[in-house]
Amino acid sequence: MSNVATPNPSKEILERLKSLDALPHFPEALMKLERAIASDSNISVDDIVSLVAQDPRMVTRLIELANSARYSMGNKVTALSDAIVLIGYQEVRLMAHAINYQSTVKRKPPFSDKHFLKHAFLSGLVAQNLAKFLKLDSGEAFLASLLRDIGIYLLATEDRDKYLEVIKLTDYDISKLPMAENKIFNTYHPLMSARLLQQWGFPVEVVMGVAFHHNPGKADDAFKPIAHLTFLSEQGVFRLGFDNGIADINDEDREEPSALLLKSLDYFKLPLEKYDELLQVALNDAEAMNF
């Protein structure tokens, strides 16, 4: 019997990207903010201000959000502390992740990053609304859906030309994407995403939701809810008419929900009509936030 360890492609890719200083950046200030808000309900506004203020880009964007149609109370907000109070601690935590994600990747990918990031943020809002309705953790749902496809960036950064091959094999059909990635890279983006989030110290529920968002039925029972929810959030944004810059659902699945979509809806006993209603609420929220 051979004692040679089986190569782990996703781990090797992460190690190569790390050695090249090409991994997405997760700011120390955001990590501290995540831990502080997630674990301490008594954290003060001043504490949050001191963490957010370390990133001028985040300060500017949070103030802009506080003045958006979703949050504005009519008076113009100019102070970060006022913006944080108006938006709310938990929402600040989630929006900080979304703001950071907009500039987390250092290299231009071989696809539309504008479409990609819009799809990711809208997926986060869809997941948040679904989770609130289903009485699940809306913060974990938002983060899993926002970050589920960061592995696509990792693979595209590893080898731009190879990822163009993936896109060609996918033929703009999201259901073909994991198989195409496996053929070219011997791994696929959900696993890459999950490994990076695990390195960053995200909750195991978020990591597992990301890892199984293309095949939620294969997740352990404890993680099936977050996996199905993450799948539904991704599919929901496609259903709203937004591709991710790489692929989309096919015309047949847009006209008639796929068997996989219906299976995840049935897992929650969620009617299709209510699902579509929650999708529209998320889209309205995104438009009100000018994100």
Foldseek 3Di string as FASTA:
>chain_A
DDPDDDDDLLVVLVVVCVVVVFAFDDDPLLLVLLCPVVPPVPDDLVNNCVSQVVDVQLQVLLLLLCCFQVQDPPDRDDDSSVSCVRCDSLSSSLVSVLSSVLPRGDDDAPFDQVLQSVLLQLLLLLLLLVCVVLVHPSSLLSLLSNQLQVLLVSVCVSPRVLVVQLLVQCVQAVLCNQVSCCVRRVGHRLQSSLVVVVVSPDDPLSSQLSNQLSPLVPGPPVNSVSVLSSVLSSLLSLLVPGDNRRHGHDPVCNVPPDPSNVVSCVVSVHDPVVSNVSSVVSVVSCVRSVD
